[in-house]
Amino acid sequence: MKRIAFIPLLLALLLCGSARGESGEPGFRVAVASDLHYIAPALTDHGPFFTALTENSDGKLMRYMEELTDAFFAEVEAKRPDALLLTGDLSFNGAVLSHEALAEKLRRLEAAGFPVLVVPGNHDLDNPGAAAFSGDGFTRVPSASASVFREIYRDFGYDEALSEDADSLSYVCPLNDTARVMMLDFNTRDHPCGISDGTLRWVRGQLEDARRAGVFVLAAGHQNLFQQTVFRGGYVIDRAEELAALFREYGVLLYLSGHLHVQHWMTADGLTEIATSALSVSPCQYGIVSVEDGALRYETRETDVSAWARAEGRTEPELLDFAAYAVGYFDARNRTSTAEELSLSDYTAEEIERMTEYLVALNRAYFSGDMRAAADMDPDGEIRALWDRYPGLYSLYLASIQGDMGQDYRRWTG
């Protein structure tokens, strides 16, 4: 029933053409990115404290965050989508100054002629870790509250919204005459990683209104609708089943999220969630969602920082071969953390090296979403057998991704 209900909407999109009204164009084409983790340059000198802090993370490319962000926005502007969706964790630590600096960049994008729609993530609001970093230490700085966030980003979805939810920073915004975007916030003080009764009622009301208007709804938020990895608490939305039931009832086929930093998608009973990997982590991907050739499509793009650097006249070797730098940085962070994890084990030095290099290569594939060659990394299962002997989260993590071997999560067609 849900698939049949979608067909008239898809046909309407195709017949109406894009927001630009060109015959044969897709009904819409939007770019989506998540987990920018942007930090204003004024908040860090990239000194010893900040460097140590970031190098103990999952490979966020904080040293060149300004350049990566500018390169991404320049690339999106050149591609001219109908809109850019930013699905949370816009900031590194919720600092007001970072949000303000990012909003200035977004104003330049909107001045180029296409809308930007934002929604907060778990890093963005009331963050006790908001700080400025200098030398060997840090100083606390104000973090954005919900009201401050809404004021800073009022030009990026909120003031153009058809409706805003009273219980959260969720809203619905028109994309064109035949499509709307529902941006969902799950980061309120009262319902962290959750959704209130009032918000669920608001979602139903907006989906009912869209049904009456005969328009397609694309949903997006930061946290996850399905448990796509070993992680659940703090990742999967509380009461996600109720939200998913509403989406299915009203024919919403696609929900866009982030949060995991892993490129992945999952379909259950006709509803698909695509988690776009972190823009701030190698391979610095974003997604393109379109209605084209009678189908709803998604595919990733890697931000070409090197092309931007050459155009800007930059000469830093890391920028001129940014993809290699990003992969190397990601691998190094994983190699260090894995070797430290295994250092107190009873494995031999040779076994630790094999286990470490296997996990480094597997993580690189998993985060990118391209798991097609993953099974060939350990064809006889010898390294996996070594990991199976290891107690703790690492073994559970490896076990949880066995079903992803051979898959390509960078593309999806509905």
Protein backbone atom coordinates (compact mmCIF):
# COMPACT_ATOMS: atom_id res chain seq x y z
CA MET A 1 0.00 0.00 0.00
CA LYS A 2 2.80 2.43 0.88
CA ARG A 3 4.56 1.89 -2.43
CA ILE A 4 1.33 2.45 -4.41
CA ALA A 5 0.66 5.65 -2.46
CA PHE A 6 4.06 6.98 -3.53
CA ILE A 7 3.64 6.47 -7.28
CA PRO A 8 1.38 9.50 -7.96
CA LEU A 9 3.75 11.74 -6.01
CA LEU A 10 6.76 10.51 -7.96
CA LEU A 11 4.94 10.98 -11.26
CA ALA A 12 3.96 14.48 -10.24
CA LEU A 13 7.58 15.30 -9.48
CA LEU A 14 8.73 14.00 -12.84
CA LEU A 15 5.98 15.74 -14.78
CA CYS A 16 6.56 19.05 -13.03
CA GLY A 17 10.30 18.90 -13.57
CA SER A 18 12.74 20.40 -11.09
CA ALA A 19 12.49 23.60 -9.15
CA ARG A 20 14.16 25.16 -12.20
CA GLY A 21 11.30 23.89 -14.38
CA GLU A 22 13.41 22.25 -17.06
CA SER A 23 11.83 19.34 -18.94
CA GLY A 24 13.54 16.03 -18.24
CA GLU A 25 15.26 17.32 -15.11
CA PRO A 26 14.80 15.40 -11.85
CA GLY A 27 11.91 16.42 -9.60
CA PHE A 28 14.54 17.58 -7.15
CA ARG A 29 18.23 17.23 -6.48
CA VAL A 30 19.60 18.07 -3.05
CA ALA A 31 23.01 17.75 -1.46
CA VAL A 32 23.20 16.39 2.08
CA ALA A 33 26.13 16.48 4.50
CA SER A 34 26.51 15.58 8.14
CA ASP A 35 28.97 15.97 10.98
CA LEU A 36 30.98 18.94 9.73
CA HIS A 37 32.28 19.48 13.30
CA TYR A 38 33.33 22.97 12.26
CA ILE A 39 35.38 25.10 14.65
CA ALA A 40 35.89 28.83 14.18
CA PRO A 41 39.56 29.67 13.55
CA ALA A 42 39.47 32.09 16.48
CA LEU A 43 38.83 29.18 18.87
CA THR A 44 42.03 27.21 18.29
CA ASP A 45 45.69 27.78 17.62
CA HIS A 46 46.10 24.04 16.87
CA GLY A 47 48.50 23.89 19.78
CA PRO A 48 49.56 20.85 21.83
CA PHE A 49 46.32 20.53 23.83
CA PHE A 50 43.99 20.75 20.85
CA THR A 51 46.21 18.48 18.75
CA ALA A 52 46.29 15.80 21.46
CA LEU A 53 42.53 16.10 21.94
CA THR A 54 41.70 15.67 18.26
CA GLU A 55 44.28 12.97 17.59
CA ASN A 56 42.52 10.79 20.16
CA SER A 57 39.29 10.99 18.14
CA ASP A 58 38.15 8.99 15.10
CA GLY A 59 40.14 10.92 12.52
CA LYS A 60 38.32 14.26 12.23
CA LEU A 61 40.51 16.48 10.07
CA MET A 62 40.56 19.45 12.42
CA ARG A 63 43.92 20.81 11.26
CA TYR A 64 42.42 21.75 7.89
CA MET A 65 38.79 22.19 8.93
CA GLU A 66 38.57 25.71 7.50
CA GLU A 67 39.90 24.62 4.12
CA LEU A 68 37.78 21.47 4.00
CA THR A 69 34.63 23.44 4.81
CA ASP A 70 35.35 26.12 2.21
CA ALA A 71 36.17 23.50 -0.43
CA PHE A 72 32.94 21.64 0.27
CA PHE A 73 30.79 24.76 0.01
CA ALA A 74 32.53 25.81 -3.21
CA GLU A 75 31.90 22.37 -4.71
CA VAL A 76 28.23 22.39 -3.71
CA GLU A 77 27.81 25.87 -5.15
CA ALA A 78 29.30 24.68 -8.45
CA LYS A 79 26.95 21.67 -8.60
CA ARG A 80 23.89 23.90 -8.11
CA PRO A 81 21.54 21.53 -6.24
CA ASP A 82 18.04 22.68 -5.36
CA ALA A 83 19.08 22.78 -1.69
CA LEU A 84 21.80 21.78 0.75
CA LEU A 85 20.74 19.84 3.87
CA LEU A 86 23.09 19.81 6.88
CA THR A 87 21.98 17.06 9.25
CA GLY A 88 23.59 18.03 12.52
CA ASP A 89 26.86 18.24 14.40
CA LEU A 90 27.53 21.44 12.54
CA SER A 91 30.04 22.43 15.22
CA PHE A 92 32.97 20.79 16.97
CA ASN A 93 31.75 21.56 20.49
CA GLY A 94 28.66 23.75 20.27
CA ALA A 95 30.48 27.06 20.71
CA VAL A 96 28.38 30.08 19.75
CA LEU A 97 31.33 31.55 17.87
CA SER A 98 31.66 28.44 15.68
CA HIS A 99 27.95 28.53 14.84
CA GLU A 100 28.18 32.22 13.99
CA ALA A 101 31.22 31.74 11.77
CA LEU A 102 29.59 28.83 9.96
CA ALA A 103 26.39 30.83 9.44
CA GLU A 104 28.42 33.54 7.68
CA LYS A 105 29.68 30.95 5.21
CA LEU A 106 26.12 29.70 4.66
CA ARG A 107 24.93 33.23 3.89
CA ARG A 108 27.37 33.36 0.99
CA LEU A 109 25.95 30.08 -0.27
CA GLU A 110 22.36 31.31 -0.10
CA ALA A 111 23.42 34.51 -1.86
CA ALA A 112 24.49 32.27 -4.74
CA GLY A 113 20.87 31.29 -5.24
CA PHE A 114 19.93 28.08 -3.44
CA PRO A 115 18.63 27.38 0.07
CA VAL A 116 20.48 25.77 2.96
CA LEU A 117 18.49 23.85 5.59
CA VAL A 118 20.09 22.97 8.94
CA VAL A 119 19.16 20.99 12.02
CA PRO A 120 21.26 20.55 15.20
CA GLY A 121 23.11 17.44 16.30
CA ASN A 122 24.18 16.26 19.73
CA HIS A 123 27.36 18.39 19.64
CA ASP A 124 25.56 21.62 18.82
CA LEU A 125 23.39 22.58 21.80
CA ASP A 126 24.11 23.16 25.51
CA ASN A 127 27.52 21.53 25.12
CA PRO A 128 29.57 21.65 28.36
CA GLY A 129 32.70 21.08 26.27
CA ALA A 130 32.44 24.39 24.40
CA ALA A 131 35.92 25.89 24.65
CA ALA A 132 38.66 27.92 23.04
CA PHE A 133 42.00 26.14 22.78
CA SER A 134 45.39 27.78 23.14
CA GLY A 135 48.78 26.23 23.79
CA ASP A 136 48.60 23.62 26.52
CA GLY A 137 45.11 24.47 27.72
CA PHE A 138 41.62 25.71 27.05
CA THR A 139 39.09 28.30 28.21
CA ARG A 140 35.34 27.69 28.47
CA VAL A 141 33.21 29.68 26.04
CA PRO A 142 29.43 29.99 25.65
CA SER A 143 27.59 27.11 24.00
CA ALA A 144 24.49 27.65 21.91
CA SER A 145 21.12 27.07 23.52
CA ALA A 146 18.16 26.04 21.37
CA SER A 147 16.95 29.63 21.12
CA VAL A 148 20.42 30.93 20.22
CA PHE A 149 20.84 28.20 17.61
CA ARG A 150 17.51 29.09 16.05
CA GLU A 151 18.43 32.80 15.93
CA ILE A 152 21.87 32.18 14.40
CA TYR A 153 20.46 29.87 11.72
CA ARG A 154 17.09 31.58 11.24
CA ASP A 155 17.88 32.21 7.56
CA PHE A 156 18.62 28.53 6.91
CA GLY A 157 15.24 26.86 7.10
CA TYR A 158 13.51 28.35 10.12
CA ASP A 159 12.23 31.64 8.73
CA GLU A 160 11.18 29.93 5.47
CA ALA A 161 9.41 27.06 7.25
CA LEU A 162 5.80 26.18 6.60
CA SER A 163 5.62 24.99 10.20
CA GLU A 164 7.88 24.73 13.28
CA ASP A 165 7.46 22.27 16.13
CA ALA A 166 6.85 23.84 19.55
CA ASP A 167 8.79 21.11 21.42
CA SER A 168 11.99 21.03 19.36
CA LEU A 169 13.93 22.72 16.58
CA SER A 170 12.11 20.60 13.97
CA TYR A 171 10.45 22.24 10.99
CA VAL A 172 9.04 21.61 7.52
CA CYS A 173 10.28 23.65 4.58
CA PRO A 174 9.11 23.63 0.93
CA LEU A 175 11.69 22.40 -1.57
CA ASN A 176 9.59 23.18 -4.62
CA ASP A 177 5.92 22.94 -5.62
CA THR A 178 5.92 19.15 -5.36
CA ALA A 179 8.28 18.35 -2.47
CA ARG A 180 8.90 19.32 1.15
CA VAL A 181 11.75 18.59 3.55
CA MET A 182 11.01 17.66 7.16
CA MET A 183 14.06 18.55 9.28
CA LEU A 184 13.86 16.77 12.66
CA ASP A 185 15.62 17.69 15.90
CA PHE A 186 16.19 15.04 18.58
CA ASN A 187 18.51 17.07 20.83
CA THR A 188 16.23 18.87 23.27
CA ARG A 189 17.03 19.11 26.98
CA ASP A 190 13.91 17.15 27.92
CA HIS A 191 14.30 14.44 25.27
CA PRO A 192 17.97 13.96 24.34
CA CYS A 193 18.10 11.50 21.45
CA GLY A 194 14.33 11.26 21.76
CA ILE A 195 11.05 12.62 20.56
CA SER A 196 8.16 13.96 22.62
CA ASP A 197 4.45 13.24 22.33
CA GLY A 198 4.00 16.78 21.07
CA THR A 199 6.62 16.35 18.35
CA LEU A 200 5.07 13.07 17.21
CA ARG A 201 1.71 14.81 16.96
CA TRP A 202 3.33 17.63 15.00
CA VAL A 203 4.99 15.12 12.62
CA ARG A 204 1.63 13.44 11.98
CA GLY A 205 -0.02 16.78 11.35
CA GLN A 206 2.64 17.84 8.85
CA LEU A 207 2.50 14.51 7.01
CA GLU A 208 -1.29 14.75 6.87
CA ASP A 209 -1.00 18.26 5.45
CA ALA A 210 1.49 17.08 2.82
CA ARG A 211 -0.83 14.22 1.85
CA ARG A 212 -3.72 16.65 1.34
CA ALA A 213 -1.46 18.88 -0.76
CA GLY A 214 -0.24 15.89 -2.80
CA VAL A 215 3.45 16.60 -2.22
CA PHE A 216 6.41 14.34 -1.55
CA VAL A 217 8.13 14.49 1.87
CA LEU A 218 11.85 13.88 2.39
CA ALA A 219 12.76 13.50 6.10
CA ALA A 220 16.12 14.27 7.68
CA GLY A 221 17.67 14.48 11.15
CA HIS A 222 20.90 13.76 13.00
CA GLN A 223 20.29 10.59 15.03
CA ASN A 224 19.41 7.21 13.62
CA LEU A 225 16.05 5.62 12.92
CA PHE A 226 17.44 2.06 12.76
CA GLN A 227 20.29 0.35 14.58
CA GLN A 228 22.71 0.11 11.69
CA THR A 229 25.86 -0.65 13.71
CA VAL A 230 26.81 -2.19 17.04
CA PHE A 231 25.99 1.13 18.70
CA ARG A 232 22.45 1.85 19.93
CA GLY A 233 22.30 3.95 23.11
CA GLY A 234 22.68 7.61 22.20
CA TYR A 235 22.53 6.76 18.50
CA VAL A 236 19.09 5.29 17.77
CA ILE A 237 16.22 7.69 18.44
CA ASP A 238 14.11 6.78 21.46
CA ARG A 239 10.63 5.80 20.21
CA ALA A 240 12.11 5.36 16.74
CA GLU A 241 9.58 2.62 16.03
CA GLU A 242 6.71 5.09 16.47
CA LEU A 243 8.34 7.61 14.15
CA ALA A 244 9.06 4.92 11.56
CA ALA A 245 5.43 3.77 11.74
CA LEU A 246 4.30 7.32 10.96
CA PHE A 247 6.66 7.52 8.00
CA ARG A 248 5.33 4.24 6.59
CA GLU A 249 1.72 5.26 7.16
CA TYR A 250 2.19 8.42 5.10
CA GLY A 251 4.44 7.00 2.40
CA VAL A 252 7.74 8.60 3.47
CA LEU A 253 10.33 6.35 1.83
CA LEU A 254 13.60 7.96 2.84
CA TYR A 255 15.06 9.34 6.06
CA LEU A 256 18.51 10.96 5.97
CA SER A 257 20.73 10.94 9.06
CA GLY A 258 24.36 11.08 10.14
CA HIS A 259 25.85 10.73 13.64
CA LEU A 260 27.56 7.36 13.05
CA HIS A 261 30.38 8.83 10.91
CA VAL A 262 29.96 5.64 8.85
CA GLN A 263 28.47 5.59 5.34
CA HIS A 264 25.62 3.11 5.59
CA TRP A 265 22.00 2.49 4.72
CA MET A 266 19.31 0.10 5.88
CA THR A 267 15.82 -0.70 4.61
CA ALA A 268 13.01 -2.18 6.72
CA ASP A 269 9.44 -2.70 5.51
CA GLY A 270 9.74 -0.25 2.63
CA LEU A 271 11.40 2.54 4.65
CA THR A 272 15.08 3.37 4.10
CA GLU A 273 17.45 5.29 6.33
CA ILE A 274 20.71 6.53 4.79
CA ALA A 275 23.38 7.63 7.27
CA THR A 276 25.74 9.95 5.43
CA SER A 277 29.31 9.65 6.69
CA ALA A 278 31.04 12.57 8.42
CA LEU A 279 32.25 15.28 6.09
CA SER A 280 35.05 15.90 8.59
CA VAL A 281 36.44 12.34 8.35
CA SER A 282 38.12 10.62 5.39
CA PRO A 283 36.95 10.25 2.65
CA CYS A 284 35.10 13.57 3.33
CA GLN A 285 31.90 12.51 1.59
CA TYR A 286 28.51 14.06 1.12
CA GLY A 287 25.40 12.73 -0.62
CA ILE A 288 23.28 13.72 -3.60
CA VAL A 289 19.58 12.78 -3.39
CA SER A 290 17.47 13.06 -6.52
CA VAL A 291 14.32 11.89 -8.21
CA GLU A 292 15.39 10.77 -11.67
CA ASP A 293 14.33 8.20 -14.27
CA GLY A 294 11.29 7.22 -12.19
CA ALA A 295 13.34 6.44 -9.07
CA LEU A 296 14.51 8.04 -5.87
CA ARG A 297 18.32 7.90 -5.82
CA TYR A 298 21.23 8.59 -3.48
CA GLU A 299 24.95 8.53 -4.16
CA THR A 300 28.02 9.90 -2.45
CA ARG A 301 30.61 12.39 -3.66
CA GLU A 302 34.07 12.98 -2.21
CA THR A 303 34.95 16.63 -1.64
CA ASP A 304 37.82 17.58 -3.95
CA VAL A 305 39.85 19.74 -1.60
CA SER A 306 42.91 19.56 -3.84
CA ALA A 307 41.08 21.18 -6.77
CA TRP A 308 39.91 23.95 -4.46
CA ALA A 309 43.44 24.42 -3.10
CA ARG A 310 44.92 24.77 -6.58
CA ALA A 311 42.24 27.28 -7.55
CA GLU A 312 43.00 29.27 -4.40
CA GLY A 313 46.75 29.23 -5.07
CA ARG A 314 47.52 27.19 -1.95
CA THR A 315 50.84 25.39 -1.83
CA GLU A 316 50.65 23.15 1.28
CA PRO A 317 51.48 19.56 0.25
CA GLU A 318 48.67 18.20 2.45
CA LEU A 319 46.10 20.31 0.62
CA LEU A 320 47.45 19.59 -2.85
CA ASP A 321 47.05 15.85 -2.25
CA PHE A 322 44.32 16.04 0.34
CA ALA A 323 42.75 12.63 -0.28
CA ALA A 324 46.06 10.90 0.47
CA TYR A 325 46.62 13.09 3.52
CA ALA A 326 43.10 12.38 4.84
CA VAL A 327 43.43 8.62 4.41
CA GLY A 328 46.87 8.64 6.00
CA TYR A 329 45.62 10.61 8.98
CA PHE A 330 42.60 8.33 9.40
CA ASP A 331 44.76 5.20 9.20
CA ALA A 332 47.29 6.59 11.66
CA ARG A 333 44.62 7.37 14.26
CA ASN A 334 43.15 3.88 13.90
CA ARG A 335 46.57 2.23 13.95
CA THR A 336 47.57 3.99 17.15
CA SER A 337 44.33 3.29 19.01
CA THR A 338 44.25 -0.37 17.96
CA ALA A 339 47.88 -1.01 18.87
CA GLU A 340 47.28 0.59 22.27
CA GLU A 341 44.19 -1.56 22.78
CA LEU A 342 46.17 -4.74 22.07
CA SER A 343 49.36 -3.74 23.88
CA LEU A 344 48.45 -5.50 27.13
CA SER A 345 47.15 -8.65 25.46
CA ASP A 346 48.92 -12.00 25.23
CA TYR A 347 49.22 -11.91 21.44
CA THR A 348 52.63 -12.06 19.82
CA ALA A 349 54.07 -8.94 18.19
CA GLU A 350 53.41 -10.46 14.76
CA GLU A 351 49.80 -11.24 15.63
CA ILE A 352 49.24 -7.72 16.96
CA GLU A 353 50.62 -6.24 13.75
CA ARG A 354 48.37 -8.43 11.58
CA MET A 355 45.30 -7.70 13.71
CA THR A 356 46.03 -3.96 13.70
CA GLU A 357 46.55 -3.67 9.95
CA TYR A 358 43.42 -5.70 9.30
CA LEU A 359 41.29 -3.44 11.48
CA VAL A 360 42.83 -0.31 9.94
CA ALA A 361 41.99 -1.49 6.41
CA LEU A 362 38.52 -2.68 7.41
CA ASN A 363 37.72 0.61 9.15
CA ARG A 364 38.81 2.55 6.07
CA ALA A 365 36.38 0.54 3.96
CA TYR A 366 33.58 0.64 6.53
CA PHE A 367 33.66 4.40 7.06
CA SER A 368 33.69 5.02 3.30
CA GLY A 369 30.76 2.64 2.71
CA ASP A 370 32.63 0.61 0.08
CA MET A 371 32.84 -2.88 1.53
CA ARG A 372 33.08 -4.72 -1.80
CA ALA A 373 36.66 -5.93 -1.28
CA ALA A 374 36.45 -6.31 2.51
CA ALA A 375 36.17 -10.10 2.47
CA ASP A 376 39.43 -10.34 0.51
CA MET A 377 41.33 -8.71 3.38
CA ASP A 378 41.18 -11.98 5.35
CA PRO A 379 40.15 -14.71 2.89
CA ASP A 380 40.96 -17.60 5.22
CA GLY A 381 39.49 -15.98 8.33
CA GLU A 382 42.76 -16.33 10.24
CA ILE A 383 42.88 -12.73 11.49
CA ARG A 384 39.21 -12.75 12.40
CA ALA A 385 39.89 -15.89 14.48
CA LEU A 386 42.57 -13.98 16.37
CA TRP A 387 40.12 -11.13 17.02
CA ASP A 388 37.44 -13.60 18.16
CA ARG A 389 39.70 -14.50 21.09
CA TYR A 390 39.86 -10.86 22.19
CA PRO A 391 37.29 -9.82 24.82
CA GLY A 392 35.45 -6.54 24.60
CA LEU A 393 33.93 -4.10 22.17
CA TYR A 394 36.42 -4.57 19.35
CA SER A 395 35.35 -8.18 18.80
CA LEU A 396 31.67 -7.22 18.98
CA TYR A 397 32.30 -4.42 16.50
CA LEU A 398 33.96 -6.77 14.01
CA ALA A 399 31.21 -9.35 14.43
CA SER A 400 28.55 -6.69 13.80
CA ILE A 401 29.87 -5.77 10.36
CA GLN A 402 30.30 -9.25 8.92
CA GLY A 403 26.98 -8.92 7.08
CA ASP A 404 28.27 -5.76 5.38
CA MET A 405 31.09 -7.56 3.59
CA GLY A 406 30.81 -7.16 -0.17
CA GLN A 407 28.26 -4.32 0.01
CA ASP A 408 28.43 -0.83 -1.48
CA TYR A 409 26.62 1.65 0.76
CA ARG A 410 27.62 4.69 -1.28
CA ARG A 411 24.65 4.24 -3.62
CA TRP A 412 20.98 3.48 -3.18
CA THR A 413 17.95 3.40 -5.47
CA GLY A 414 14.39 3.29 -4.17
